[in-house]
Structures are given as structure tokens and as C-alpha cells.
Amino acid sequence: MKIAIVEDEHLASSYLKSILEKQEVISVSKITILKSVKEAVAFFKEHTIDLVFMDIHLGDGKSLDIFEEISIPSPIIFVTAYDTYAIKVFKHFTIDYLLKPFEEEELISALSKYKKIKGSFNLNQTVQSLDLIENKNIDSYQKRFLVNHGYKFISINDSDISCFMGSGKHLFIYTSNGNSYLYNDTIKDIINKLNPEFFFKVNRKYILHISAIKEVIRHTSQKVEIKVIDTINEDNPILVSKNEITNFKKWLDR
């Protein structure tokens, strides 16, 4: 089976490629990595692929730009950092999706799903899903979060949240005025409900609001540290996940 990975981040494509090479769900004969819309268009004009893994945003454009140039009849699994709305769209119109950063088990599950339903892939529905995402409404994001505080309920606006911190099975909200509250959700699920314009999941423990970032320090190309405002009670360094450094820099440069 021939596979193409359309991904402009080296660490992300290498991680995906390494798992595909050692998994045993499907037999892989060749993996091609394409880093841009331009490369993808040129490649798919000349080659037929059995399965495609595709990121939404690429260095020179978006995945939708590829489909405006050519038709790709191959089943597609999207690898994305998008939110709840996008995930609902992917569930309805595509083979499957992987939400960054993903675990090896999630990729194995997506491959198993591909084996079962690969014959039902519909290119028109895939293009429709991308078009829906590009034209989504900001109202799909959660704006208020209800927490318990003693005998009271408090509704916290998203603009008042400095960060979400995962600790074991618990999730805490830290507010800009220095308070912290236990919230009934997980860090893996809450990221899908937040507006990515303001929130970024920097690692498996922290989701930061842009206003909480005081300083970003690059120690090496693979080690980026974030200094946060004093209202977040954290003595240990907050490091950006290696696989998310490129996305984090893009997010800061919007």
C-alpha cells in the first residue's frame, strides 16, 4: 500500500511516518511526504495513492487549495489541531481524523476504521467538509464555563481565563485575577471547545490564553520555554511540546 503524508511540519510528518512503518494493521510499501500545496498538486497529478494523511494548514496555503487544482480519489485521514465544529464535520464527511497531538493508539484506530470503510470514501463530501470548516461561525466556541465555589455556582467568561491545567484526572481553570477552580472536563476534550484564536495547547498539561504569556524563550530549536503571568501558580518551566513548536510560532504570528 502506498501512502502520502501532506504535512509541512518535519517533526509531525516524521512522527506519523515512524508509526506507519512499524504498525501491523495495514501493509505499507511506500510513504511519500509532501510539504506544501504546490508539491501535493504536482505529485497527485502524476501518482495514484492508496491512502492520504493531510493537515489542514500548510506553509503555502490550505488543503482546500489542493482540491481546487486537482481531484484526489484516495481516502483521506485528516491530521488537525482544529476544534469541536471541525471534528463534527470530519466525522460526517471523511474516513477519520487525528487531533494533534495524537497518540499511536489513535492512529491505529484510524487505520482500522479505514480498512472497514475505505470503499465508501467520497471526494465531494471531503471537499464539502473543508469548505464548511473554512466558513465556520465563531459562535461554535464555548464562551462561559460553570464551576462550583463552595455553595455557589460561578460562570467564568473565556476572556477571564489565563489557562487550563491538567493534573492527573483533574482539570483546573486559572483566572486572570489569580483564582483557580476545578472544572468537570479533561484537557484533551476542552481544547476542542476553545477559540484557537486565543487558546493554545502548549503541551499535555497546559492550555494557555494568549494574554497569559509574558515571555517566550528559545533555548534550542527543539526547546521553547514559556514564562507566564504571576497569577498562574507554576514554579516549574512550561515547555512547548516539540511537535507543536512550529504551530505555536504560527499562532503567535497571526
Foldseek 3Di string as FASTA:
>chain_A
DEEEEAAQFPVVVVVVVVLVVPDDLDDYDYYHYHQALVRVLVVQVPDAGQEYEYEQDGPVGGPLVNVVRDFHPHAYEYEYQAADVLQVLCVVAGQYYHHPPHDSVVVVVSSNSCVVCRVVHDRVSVSVSSVCVVPDDPVQADFWAWFDDPPDIDIDGPVQWFKWFDDVQWIWTFGPVQDITTGPDAPVRNSNRHDLLFWDDQDRTMIGGPQQFDDWDDPDLQWIWTDGDPSDPDPDTDTGHSSCPVVVVVSVVD
